[in-house]
Amino acid sequence: MAKLSARGGLKLFLGVSISSIVSAVGVILLMRLLTPSEYGLVTIAMISPALIALFRDWGVNSAMIKYVAQYRSENRISRVRNVMASGLLFELVVGVSLSLGSFLLAGFLAANVFHRAEAKILIEIASLTILAGSFLTASQSTFIGFERMEFNGLTMICQSCLKCFLAPFLVFIGYSSLGAVLGQTVALIIAGIVGIVIFYLIFFKKYSWTRK
């Protein structure tokens, strides 16, 4: 048990560390490529959905971690499957609802809260990060519940590397603030898709065929 916990903790630590370093490099590159005004637009575009996404966490991810681990240890296979399915469904419904809400509020937030009307389209694009984050949260909670920290680290590193490459690249070829927001949004969407694919193929599909 101690060896398993130590190994899992090390994998999680490495994933977080590598992800943080790569993300920091990406931020530095963006700050060097964008003007202060352009970078301000990117910050506005990304922070608005991030604030709305705070309403997405109702403790479901923590519950998924707890009950997946508990039912696994008790060999209650059908309960594990139900927890995974319910958690994913909840995250999907809330993610879609909040993404749509963020999209519809984009014009109001840009014009009346941040007083930067040109940020409207950027906030609309960044609204997709809420749904992508829902998929990522559901899959990562499952990985931790199964003590498969390597998959948790993989999705984090995947997101950071894509963001570090795509956002500066799109800015470099002339897309300015739009490129930075697109790069960060696409990176999170791809990471969310990778997480859900692993979630389904390695965990959910296996338990769907098991009856206990």
C-alpha atoms as a PDB file:
ATOM      1  CA  MET A   1       0.000   0.000   0.000  1.00  0.00           C
ATOM      2  CA  ALA A   2       2.799   2.425   0.943  1.00  0.00           C
ATOM      3  CA  LYS A   3       4.754   1.600  -2.224  1.00  0.00           C
ATOM      4  CA  LEU A   4       1.646   2.045  -4.382  1.00  0.00           C
ATOM      5  CA  SER A   5       0.830   5.382  -2.776  1.00  0.00           C
ATOM      6  CA  ALA A   6       4.422   6.601  -3.119  1.00  0.00           C
ATOM      7  CA  ARG A   7       4.566   5.543  -6.761  1.00  0.00           C
ATOM      8  CA  GLY A   8       1.251   7.240  -7.518  1.00  0.00           C
ATOM      9  CA  GLY A   9       2.306  10.393  -5.694  1.00  0.00           C
ATOM     10  CA  LEU A  10       5.560  10.521  -7.660  1.00  0.00           C
ATOM     11  CA  LYS A  11       3.739  10.155 -10.979  1.00  0.00           C
ATOM     12  CA  LEU A  12       1.285  12.885 -10.015  1.00  0.00           C
ATOM     13  CA  PHE A  13       4.120  15.147  -8.871  1.00  0.00           C
ATOM     14  CA  LEU A  14       6.003  14.647 -12.139  1.00  0.00           C
ATOM     15  CA  GLY A  15       2.885  15.332 -14.187  1.00  0.00           C
ATOM     16  CA  VAL A  16       2.087  18.535 -12.299  1.00  0.00           C
ATOM     17  CA  SER A  17       5.723  19.704 -12.377  1.00  0.00           C
ATOM     18  CA  ILE A  18       6.249  19.109 -16.092  1.00  0.00           C
ATOM     19  CA  SER A  19       2.863  20.613 -16.916  1.00  0.00           C
ATOM     20  CA  SER A  20       3.597  23.727 -14.828  1.00  0.00           C
ATOM     21  CA  ILE A  21       7.025  24.256 -16.396  1.00  0.00           C
ATOM     22  CA  VAL A  22       5.708  23.869 -19.948  1.00  0.00           C
ATOM     23  CA  SER A  23       2.765  26.186 -19.190  1.00  0.00           C
ATOM     24  CA  ALA A  24       5.147  28.814 -17.814  1.00  0.00           C
ATOM     25  CA  VAL A  25       7.221  28.642 -21.007  1.00  0.00           C
ATOM     26  CA  GLY A  26       4.070  29.093 -23.072  1.00  0.00           C
ATOM     27  CA  VAL A  27       2.997  32.153 -21.063  1.00  0.00           C
ATOM     28  CA  ILE A  28       6.454  33.730 -21.450  1.00  0.00           C
ATOM     29  CA  LEU A  29       6.355  33.176 -25.208  1.00  0.00           C
ATOM     30  CA  LEU A  30       2.898  34.754 -25.455  1.00  0.00           C
ATOM     31  CA  MET A  31       3.962  37.759 -23.415  1.00  0.00           C
ATOM     32  CA  ARG A  32       6.912  38.328 -25.732  1.00  0.00           C
ATOM     33  CA  LEU A  33       4.841  37.975 -28.903  1.00  0.00           C
ATOM     34  CA  LEU A  34       1.801  40.051 -27.874  1.00  0.00           C
ATOM     35  CA  THR A  35       1.507  43.702 -26.961  1.00  0.00           C
ATOM     36  CA  PRO A  36       0.200  44.506 -23.449  1.00  0.00           C
ATOM     37  CA  SER A  37      -3.180  45.442 -24.939  1.00  0.00           C
ATOM     38  CA  GLU A  38      -3.428  42.186 -26.898  1.00  0.00           C
ATOM     39  CA  TYR A  39      -2.387  40.113 -23.912  1.00  0.00           C
ATOM     40  CA  GLY A  40      -5.019  41.920 -21.862  1.00  0.00           C
ATOM     41  CA  LEU A  41      -7.669  40.791 -24.339  1.00  0.00           C
ATOM     42  CA  VAL A  42      -6.464  37.197 -24.029  1.00  0.00           C
ATOM     43  CA  THR A  43      -6.649  37.414 -20.236  1.00  0.00           C
ATOM     44  CA  ILE A  44     -10.200  38.800 -20.388  1.00  0.00           C
ATOM     45  CA  ALA A  45     -11.264  36.082 -22.825  1.00  0.00           C
ATOM     46  CA  MET A  46      -9.884  33.244 -20.707  1.00  0.00           C
ATOM     47  CA  ILE A  47     -10.796  34.525 -17.262  1.00  0.00           C
ATOM     48  CA  SER A  48     -14.508  34.982 -18.021  1.00  0.00           C
ATOM     49  CA  PRO A  49     -15.238  31.289 -18.741  1.00  0.00           C
ATOM     50  CA  ALA A  50     -12.875  30.312 -15.918  1.00  0.00           C
ATOM     51  CA  LEU A  51     -14.986  32.290 -13.441  1.00  0.00           C
ATOM     52  CA  ILE A  52     -18.222  30.811 -14.799  1.00  0.00           C
ATOM     53  CA  ALA A  53     -16.662  27.329 -14.615  1.00  0.00           C
ATOM     54  CA  LEU A  54     -16.378  27.733 -10.841  1.00  0.00           C
ATOM     55  CA  PHE A  55     -20.100  26.883 -10.727  1.00  0.00           C
ATOM     56  CA  ARG A  56     -19.336  23.568 -12.426  1.00  0.00           C
ATOM     57  CA  ASP A  57     -17.719  22.014  -9.363  1.00  0.00           C
ATOM     58  CA  TRP A  58     -20.406  20.775  -6.994  1.00  0.00           C
ATOM     59  CA  GLY A  59     -18.070  18.241  -5.409  1.00  0.00           C
ATOM     60  CA  VAL A  60     -18.841  15.591  -8.017  1.00  0.00           C
ATOM     61  CA  ASN A  61     -15.177  15.106  -8.948  1.00  0.00           C
ATOM     62  CA  SER A  62     -14.254  14.492  -5.303  1.00  0.00           C
ATOM     63  CA  ALA A  63     -17.186  12.094  -4.967  1.00  0.00           C
ATOM     64  CA  MET A  64     -16.064  10.216  -8.077  1.00  0.00           C
ATOM     65  CA  ILE A  65     -12.565   9.772  -6.670  1.00  0.00           C
ATOM     66  CA  LYS A  66     -13.897   8.576  -3.307  1.00  0.00           C
ATOM     67  CA  TYR A  67     -16.556   6.156  -4.500  1.00  0.00           C
ATOM     68  CA  VAL A  68     -14.633   4.728  -7.446  1.00  0.00           C
ATOM     69  CA  ALA A  69     -11.788   3.863  -5.064  1.00  0.00           C
ATOM     70  CA  GLN A  70     -14.169   2.590  -2.358  1.00  0.00           C
ATOM     71  CA  TYR A  71     -16.337   0.377  -4.588  1.00  0.00           C
ATOM     72  CA  ARG A  72     -13.251  -0.911  -6.357  1.00  0.00           C
ATOM     73  CA  SER A  73     -11.720  -2.033  -3.088  1.00  0.00           C
ATOM     74  CA  GLU A  74     -15.032  -3.670  -2.137  1.00  0.00           C
ATOM     75  CA  ASN A  75     -15.233  -5.359  -5.565  1.00  0.00           C
ATOM     76  CA  ARG A  76     -18.669  -3.838  -6.199  1.00  0.00           C
ATOM     77  CA  ILE A  77     -18.181  -3.614  -9.943  1.00  0.00           C
ATOM     78  CA  SER A  78     -21.651  -2.416 -10.934  1.00  0.00           C
ATOM     79  CA  ARG A  79     -21.387   0.457  -8.453  1.00  0.00           C
ATOM     80  CA  VAL A  80     -18.069   1.532  -9.955  1.00  0.00           C
ATOM     81  CA  ARG A  81     -19.636   1.613 -13.399  1.00  0.00           C
ATOM     82  CA  ASN A  82     -22.622   3.592 -12.135  1.00  0.00           C
ATOM     83  CA  VAL A  83     -20.391   6.170 -10.438  1.00  0.00           C
ATOM     84  CA  MET A  84     -18.364   6.685 -13.621  1.00  0.00           C
ATOM     85  CA  ALA A  85     -21.473   6.987 -15.795  1.00  0.00           C
ATOM     86  CA  SER A  86     -23.273   9.338 -13.394  1.00  0.00           C
ATOM     87  CA  GLY A  87     -20.196  11.537 -12.925  1.00  0.00           C
ATOM     88  CA  LEU A  88     -19.600  11.845 -16.654  1.00  0.00           C
ATOM     89  CA  LEU A  89     -23.279  12.597 -17.342  1.00  0.00           C
ATOM     90  CA  PHE A  90     -23.368  15.278 -14.655  1.00  0.00           C
ATOM     91  CA  GLU A  91     -20.200  16.922 -15.961  1.00  0.00           C
ATOM     92  CA  LEU A  92     -21.567  16.789 -19.518  1.00  0.00           C
ATOM     93  CA  VAL A  93     -24.899  18.429 -18.631  1.00  0.00           C
ATOM     94  CA  VAL A  94     -23.341  21.125 -16.443  1.00  0.00           C
ATOM     95  CA  GLY A  95     -20.502  21.712 -18.925  1.00  0.00           C
ATOM     96  CA  VAL A  96     -22.888  22.207 -21.860  1.00  0.00           C
ATOM     97  CA  SER A  97     -25.162  24.486 -19.801  1.00  0.00           C
ATOM     98  CA  LEU A  98     -22.358  26.708 -18.525  1.00  0.00           C
ATOM     99  CA  SER A  99     -20.624  26.845 -21.921  1.00  0.00           C
ATOM    100  CA  LEU A 100     -23.863  27.988 -23.516  1.00  0.00           C
ATOM    101  CA  GLY A 101     -24.410  30.516 -20.729  1.00  0.00           C
ATOM    102  CA  SER A 102     -20.892  31.889 -21.146  1.00  0.00           C
ATOM    103  CA  PHE A 103     -21.403  32.141 -24.919  1.00  0.00           C
ATOM    104  CA  LEU A 104     -24.666  34.056 -24.522  1.00  0.00           C
ATOM    105  CA  LEU A 105     -23.187  36.391 -21.892  1.00  0.00           C
ATOM    106  CA  ALA A 106     -20.064  37.129 -23.943  1.00  0.00           C
ATOM    107  CA  GLY A 107     -21.378  40.384 -25.387  1.00  0.00           C
ATOM    108  CA  PHE A 108     -22.595  41.685 -22.030  1.00  0.00           C
ATOM    109  CA  LEU A 109     -19.357  40.772 -20.225  1.00  0.00           C
ATOM    110  CA  ALA A 110     -17.152  42.284 -22.925  1.00  0.00           C
ATOM    111  CA  ALA A 111     -19.056  45.569 -23.216  1.00  0.00           C
ATOM    112  CA  ASN A 112     -20.372  46.208 -19.700  1.00  0.00           C
ATOM    113  CA  VAL A 113     -17.993  44.403 -17.335  1.00  0.00           C
ATOM    114  CA  PHE A 114     -14.615  44.629 -19.043  1.00  0.00           C
ATOM    115  CA  HIS A 115     -15.427  47.582 -21.358  1.00  0.00           C
ATOM    116  CA  ARG A 116     -13.649  45.870 -24.256  1.00  0.00           C
ATOM    117  CA  ALA A 117     -16.340  45.143 -26.865  1.00  0.00           C
ATOM    118  CA  GLU A 118     -13.742  43.533 -29.141  1.00  0.00           C
ATOM    119  CA  ALA A 119     -13.333  40.728 -26.567  1.00  0.00           C
ATOM    120  CA  LYS A 120     -16.815  39.353 -27.355  1.00  0.00           C
ATOM    121  CA  ILE A 121     -15.756  36.862 -30.016  1.00  0.00           C
ATOM    122  CA  LEU A 122     -12.772  35.772 -27.928  1.00  0.00           C
ATOM    123  CA  ILE A 123     -14.994  35.030 -24.924  1.00  0.00           C
ATOM    124  CA  GLU A 124     -17.373  33.094 -27.188  1.00  0.00           C
ATOM    125  CA  ILE A 125     -14.510  30.909 -28.405  1.00  0.00           C
ATOM    126  CA  ALA A 126     -13.096  30.440 -24.911  1.00  0.00           C
ATOM    127  CA  SER A 127     -16.533  29.321 -23.668  1.00  0.00           C
ATOM    128  CA  LEU A 128     -15.769  25.898 -25.135  1.00  0.00           C
ATOM    129  CA  THR A 129     -13.089  25.445 -22.472  1.00  0.00           C
ATOM    130  CA  ILE A 130     -15.833  24.950 -19.871  1.00  0.00           C
ATOM    131  CA  LEU A 131     -17.187  21.855 -21.622  1.00  0.00           C
ATOM    132  CA  ALA A 132     -13.688  20.568 -22.390  1.00  0.00           C
ATOM    133  CA  GLY A 133     -12.762  21.077 -18.748  1.00  0.00           C
ATOM    134  CA  SER A 134     -15.808  19.018 -17.719  1.00  0.00           C
ATOM    135  CA  PHE A 135     -14.593  16.049 -19.760  1.00  0.00           C
ATOM    136  CA  LEU A 136     -11.093  16.448 -18.397  1.00  0.00           C
ATOM    137  CA  THR A 137     -12.319  16.648 -14.797  1.00  0.00           C
ATOM    138  CA  ALA A 138     -14.475  13.513 -15.124  1.00  0.00           C
ATOM    139  CA  SER A 139     -11.666  11.496 -16.683  1.00  0.00           C
ATOM    140  CA  GLN A 140      -8.973  12.689 -14.270  1.00  0.00           C
ATOM    141  CA  SER A 141     -11.201  11.944 -11.263  1.00  0.00           C
ATOM    142  CA  THR A 142     -11.586   8.404 -12.574  1.00  0.00           C
ATOM    143  CA  PHE A 143      -7.837   8.026 -13.092  1.00  0.00           C
ATOM    144  CA  ILE A 144      -7.143   9.084  -9.513  1.00  0.00           C
ATOM    145  CA  GLY A 145      -9.901   6.801  -8.190  1.00  0.00           C
ATOM    146  CA  PHE A 146      -8.265   3.875  -9.973  1.00  0.00           C
ATOM    147  CA  GLU A 147      -4.818   5.027  -8.785  1.00  0.00           C
ATOM    148  CA  ARG A 148      -3.620   5.391 -12.377  1.00  0.00           C
ATOM    149  CA  MET A 149      -1.816   8.668 -11.903  1.00  0.00           C
ATOM    150  CA  GLU A 150       0.171   8.225 -15.109  1.00  0.00           C
ATOM    151  CA  PHE A 151      -2.965   8.927 -17.142  1.00  0.00           C
ATOM    152  CA  ASN A 152      -3.722  11.993 -15.043  1.00  0.00           C
ATOM    153  CA  GLY A 153      -0.197  13.275 -15.692  1.00  0.00           C
ATOM    154  CA  LEU A 154      -0.485  12.412 -19.388  1.00  0.00           C
ATOM    155  CA  THR A 155      -3.579  14.561 -19.902  1.00  0.00           C
ATOM    156  CA  MET A 156      -2.035  17.466 -17.988  1.00  0.00           C
ATOM    157  CA  ILE A 157       1.200  17.322 -19.983  1.00  0.00           C
ATOM    158  CA  CYS A 158      -0.747  16.909 -23.240  1.00  0.00           C
ATOM    159  CA  GLN A 159      -2.742  20.066 -22.541  1.00  0.00           C
ATOM    160  CA  SER A 160       0.326  22.107 -21.518  1.00  0.00           C
ATOM    161  CA  CYS A 161       2.433  21.029 -24.496  1.00  0.00           C
ATOM    162  CA  LEU A 162      -0.321  21.726 -27.006  1.00  0.00           C
ATOM    163  CA  LYS A 163      -1.053  25.106 -25.428  1.00  0.00           C
ATOM    164  CA  CYS A 164       2.651  25.982 -25.354  1.00  0.00           C
ATOM    165  CA  PHE A 165       2.969  25.189 -29.074  1.00  0.00           C
ATOM    166  CA  LEU A 166      -0.368  26.178 -30.617  1.00  0.00           C
ATOM    167  CA  ALA A 167      -0.976  29.552 -28.965  1.00  0.00           C
ATOM    168  CA  PRO A 168       2.474  31.090 -29.725  1.00  0.00           C
ATOM    169  CA  PHE A 169       2.464  29.547 -33.216  1.00  0.00           C
ATOM    170  CA  LEU A 170      -0.907  31.061 -34.140  1.00  0.00           C
ATOM    171  CA  VAL A 171       0.185  34.422 -32.754  1.00  0.00           C
ATOM    172  CA  PHE A 172       3.464  34.203 -34.677  1.00  0.00           C
ATOM    173  CA  ILE A 173       1.712  33.610 -38.016  1.00  0.00           C
ATOM    174  CA  GLY A 174      -0.426  36.701 -37.492  1.00  0.00           C
ATOM    175  CA  TYR A 175      -3.586  35.801 -35.582  1.00  0.00           C
ATOM    176  CA  SER A 176      -2.701  37.953 -32.577  1.00  0.00           C
ATOM    177  CA  SER A 177      -5.098  37.675 -29.605  1.00  0.00           C
ATOM    178  CA  LEU A 178      -7.464  35.445 -31.561  1.00  0.00           C
ATOM    179  CA  GLY A 179      -4.642  32.976 -32.166  1.00  0.00           C
ATOM    180  CA  ALA A 180      -3.693  32.912 -28.488  1.00  0.00           C
ATOM    181  CA  VAL A 181      -7.271  32.184 -27.406  1.00  0.00           C
ATOM    182  CA  LEU A 182      -7.783  29.621 -30.175  1.00  0.00           C
ATOM    183  CA  GLY A 183      -4.545  27.848 -29.256  1.00  0.00           C
ATOM    184  CA  GLN A 184      -5.424  27.576 -25.576  1.00  0.00           C
ATOM    185  CA  THR A 185      -8.996  26.514 -26.308  1.00  0.00           C
ATOM    186  CA  VAL A 186      -8.045  23.850 -28.856  1.00  0.00           C
ATOM    187  CA  ALA A 187      -5.350  22.516 -26.510  1.00  0.00           C
ATOM    188  CA  LEU A 188      -7.896  21.999 -23.730  1.00  0.00           C
ATOM    189  CA  ILE A 189     -10.416  20.424 -26.115  1.00  0.00           C
ATOM    190  CA  ILE A 190      -7.832  17.935 -27.393  1.00  0.00           C
ATOM    191  CA  ALA A 191      -6.714  17.110 -23.842  1.00  0.00           C
ATOM    192  CA  GLY A 192     -10.364  16.579 -22.875  1.00  0.00           C
ATOM    193  CA  ILE A 193     -10.890  14.242 -25.847  1.00  0.00           C
ATOM    194  CA  VAL A 194      -7.735  12.282 -24.964  1.00  0.00           C
ATOM    195  CA  GLY A 195      -8.946  11.969 -21.371  1.00  0.00           C
ATOM    196  CA  ILE A 196     -12.408  10.741 -22.390  1.00  0.00           C
ATOM    197  CA  VAL A 197     -10.964   8.227 -24.882  1.00  0.00           C
ATOM    198  CA  ILE A 198      -8.725   6.753 -22.158  1.00  0.00           C
ATOM    199  CA  PHE A 199     -11.647   6.874 -19.698  1.00  0.00           C
ATOM    200  CA  TYR A 200     -13.867   4.887 -22.065  1.00  0.00           C
ATOM    201  CA  LEU A 201     -11.405   2.389 -23.542  1.00  0.00           C
ATOM    202  CA  ILE A 202      -9.408   1.470 -20.428  1.00  0.00           C
ATOM    203  CA  PHE A 203     -11.925   1.913 -17.607  1.00  0.00           C
ATOM    204  CA  PHE A 204     -15.585   2.337 -18.528  1.00  0.00           C
ATOM    205  CA  LYS A 205     -15.677  -0.193 -21.381  1.00  0.00           C
ATOM    206  CA  LYS A 206     -13.998  -2.825 -19.220  1.00  0.00           C
ATOM    207  CA  TYR A 207     -16.516  -2.393 -16.415  1.00  0.00           C
ATOM    208  CA  SER A 208     -19.457  -2.221 -18.806  1.00  0.00           C
ATOM    209  CA  TRP A 209     -18.795  -5.803 -19.811  1.00  0.00           C
ATOM    210  CA  THR A 210     -18.347  -6.997 -16.258  1.00  0.00           C
ATOM    211  CA  ARG A 211     -21.291  -8.063 -14.147  1.00  0.00           C
ATOM    212  CA  LYS A 212     -20.930  -8.298 -10.393  1.00  0.00           C
END
